[in-house]
Amino acid sequence: MPQLNPAPWFAILVFTWLTFLIIIPPKITGHIFPNDPTLQSTEKPKTESWTWPWH
């Protein structure tokens, strides 16, 4: 049964993790987001209650 031979599967596991840990993170962190986050004020905006016309 080939599943019991760890030689090829261990190499696949190592190369997969190397790809995930070395190659992909710089590609993801290299993106520049067009909108910088702005700080929101701490005071809550004034909301008015609605008057619903119940018919």
N, C-alpha and C. Protein backbone atom coordinates (compact mmCIF):
# COMPACT_ATOMS: atom_id res chain seq x y z
N MET A 1 0.84 -1.19 0.00
CA MET A 1 0.00 0.00 0.00
C MET A 1 0.88 1.24 0.00
N PRO A 2 0.72 2.13 -0.95
CA PRO A 2 1.61 3.29 -1.03
C PRO A 2 1.39 4.31 0.07
N GLN A 3 0.26 4.27 0.76
CA GLN A 3 0.03 5.25 1.81
C GLN A 3 0.94 5.04 3.01
N LEU A 4 1.45 3.84 3.16
CA LEU A 4 2.29 3.54 4.30
C LEU A 4 3.75 3.94 4.08
N ASN A 5 4.11 4.27 2.87
CA ASN A 5 5.47 4.71 2.59
C ASN A 5 5.54 6.22 2.80
N PRO A 6 6.23 6.72 3.86
CA PRO A 6 6.21 8.15 4.16
C PRO A 6 7.15 8.99 3.30
N ALA A 7 7.99 8.37 2.53
CA ALA A 7 9.01 9.13 1.80
C ALA A 7 8.42 10.17 0.85
N PRO A 8 7.55 9.83 -0.11
CA PRO A 8 7.07 10.88 -1.00
C PRO A 8 6.09 11.83 -0.33
N TRP A 9 5.30 11.34 0.62
CA TRP A 9 4.29 12.19 1.24
C TRP A 9 4.92 13.19 2.19
N PHE A 10 6.00 12.81 2.84
CA PHE A 10 6.67 13.76 3.74
C PHE A 10 7.28 14.90 2.94
N ALA A 11 7.87 14.60 1.79
CA ALA A 11 8.44 15.66 0.95
C ALA A 11 7.34 16.59 0.44
N ILE A 12 6.19 16.03 0.06
CA ILE A 12 5.08 16.86 -0.38
C ILE A 12 4.60 17.75 0.76
N LEU A 13 4.52 17.21 1.96
CA LEU A 13 4.11 17.98 3.12
C LEU A 13 5.09 19.13 3.39
N VAL A 14 6.38 18.84 3.34
CA VAL A 14 7.39 19.87 3.61
C VAL A 14 7.34 20.97 2.55
N PHE A 15 7.27 20.61 1.28
CA PHE A 15 7.23 21.63 0.23
C PHE A 15 5.95 22.44 0.27
N THR A 16 4.85 21.82 0.66
CA THR A 16 3.60 22.57 0.79
C THR A 16 3.70 23.60 1.90
N TRP A 17 4.22 23.20 3.05
CA TRP A 17 4.36 24.15 4.16
C TRP A 17 5.38 25.23 3.85
N LEU A 18 6.44 24.88 3.15
CA LEU A 18 7.39 25.92 2.75
C LEU A 18 6.73 26.93 1.83
N THR A 19 5.87 26.45 0.94
CA THR A 19 5.14 27.37 0.07
C THR A 19 4.24 28.27 0.88
N PHE A 20 3.50 27.70 1.82
CA PHE A 20 2.58 28.50 2.63
C PHE A 20 3.30 29.49 3.53
N LEU A 21 4.46 29.12 4.04
CA LEU A 21 5.13 29.96 5.03
C LEU A 21 6.14 30.93 4.44
N ILE A 22 6.67 30.67 3.25
CA ILE A 22 7.73 31.52 2.70
C ILE A 22 7.25 32.30 1.48
N ILE A 23 6.57 31.67 0.57
CA ILE A 23 6.25 32.31 -0.70
C ILE A 23 4.96 33.13 -0.62
N ILE A 24 3.92 32.59 -0.03
CA ILE A 24 2.62 33.25 -0.07
C ILE A 24 2.52 34.49 0.84
N PRO A 25 3.02 34.50 2.08
CA PRO A 25 2.84 35.70 2.92
C PRO A 25 3.39 36.99 2.34
N PRO A 26 4.58 37.04 1.73
CA PRO A 26 5.00 38.33 1.13
C PRO A 26 4.09 38.78 0.00
N LYS A 27 3.52 37.85 -0.75
CA LYS A 27 2.60 38.23 -1.81
C LYS A 27 1.33 38.85 -1.24
N ILE A 28 0.86 38.31 -0.13
CA ILE A 28 -0.36 38.84 0.47
C ILE A 28 -0.10 40.19 1.14
N THR A 29 1.00 40.29 1.88
CA THR A 29 1.28 41.54 2.59
C THR A 29 1.78 42.63 1.66
N GLY A 30 2.11 42.31 0.44
CA GLY A 30 2.59 43.32 -0.50
C GLY A 30 1.49 44.14 -1.14
N HIS A 31 0.24 43.76 -0.91
CA HIS A 31 -0.85 44.52 -1.50
C HIS A 31 -1.02 45.86 -0.80
N ILE A 32 -1.32 46.86 -1.56
CA ILE A 32 -1.58 48.19 -1.02
C ILE A 32 -3.08 48.44 -1.11
N PHE A 33 -3.68 48.79 0.00
CA PHE A 33 -5.10 49.05 0.02
C PHE A 33 -5.35 50.50 -0.36
N PRO A 34 -6.28 50.77 -1.25
CA PRO A 34 -6.47 52.14 -1.72
C PRO A 34 -7.05 53.08 -0.67
N ASN A 35 -7.80 52.57 0.28
CA ASN A 35 -8.42 53.44 1.28
C ASN A 35 -7.78 53.21 2.64
N ASP A 36 -7.18 54.27 3.17
CA ASP A 36 -6.62 54.17 4.50
C ASP A 36 -7.75 54.27 5.52
N PRO A 37 -7.69 53.50 6.58
CA PRO A 37 -8.76 53.60 7.58
C PRO A 37 -8.70 54.93 8.31
N THR A 38 -9.84 55.54 8.50
CA THR A 38 -9.90 56.81 9.22
C THR A 38 -10.43 56.55 10.62
N LEU A 39 -9.99 57.37 11.54
CA LEU A 39 -10.43 57.22 12.92
C LEU A 39 -11.84 57.76 13.05
N GLN A 40 -12.67 57.03 13.77
CA GLN A 40 -14.03 57.47 13.99
C GLN A 40 -14.09 58.24 15.30
N SER A 41 -15.00 59.20 15.34
CA SER A 41 -15.14 59.97 16.57
C SER A 41 -15.79 59.11 17.64
N THR A 42 -15.51 59.46 18.89
CA THR A 42 -16.03 58.66 19.99
C THR A 42 -17.46 59.02 20.32
N GLU A 43 -17.93 60.18 19.92
CA GLU A 43 -19.31 60.55 20.22
C GLU A 43 -20.26 59.90 19.22
N LYS A 44 -21.37 59.44 19.72
CA LYS A 44 -22.33 58.75 18.88
C LYS A 44 -23.14 59.76 18.06
N PRO A 45 -23.45 59.44 16.84
CA PRO A 45 -24.28 60.36 16.06
C PRO A 45 -25.70 60.38 16.61
N LYS A 46 -26.32 61.56 16.53
CA LYS A 46 -27.68 61.72 17.03
C LYS A 46 -28.65 61.08 16.06
N THR A 47 -29.43 60.15 16.56
CA THR A 47 -30.42 59.49 15.72
C THR A 47 -31.80 59.95 16.14
N GLU A 48 -32.65 60.15 15.18
CA GLU A 48 -34.01 60.56 15.48
C GLU A 48 -34.94 59.37 15.31
N SER A 49 -35.95 59.32 16.17
CA SER A 49 -36.89 58.22 16.06
C SER A 49 -37.84 58.47 14.88
N TRP A 50 -38.30 57.40 14.31
CA TRP A 50 -39.21 57.51 13.17
C TRP A 50 -40.65 57.45 13.67
N THR A 51 -41.47 58.20 13.01
CA THR A 51 -42.90 58.09 13.31
C THR A 51 -43.52 57.26 12.20
N TRP A 52 -43.95 56.08 12.57
CA TRP A 52 -44.49 55.16 11.57
C TRP A 52 -45.99 55.36 11.44
N PRO A 53 -46.44 55.55 10.22
CA PRO A 53 -47.89 55.66 10.03
C PRO A 53 -48.53 54.26 9.99
N TRP A 54 -49.14 53.88 11.08
CA TRP A 54 -49.76 52.56 11.15
C TRP A 54 -51.17 52.66 10.61
N HIS A 55 -51.43 51.97 9.54
CA HIS A 55 -52.74 52.03 8.89
C HIS A 55 -53.50 50.76 9.13
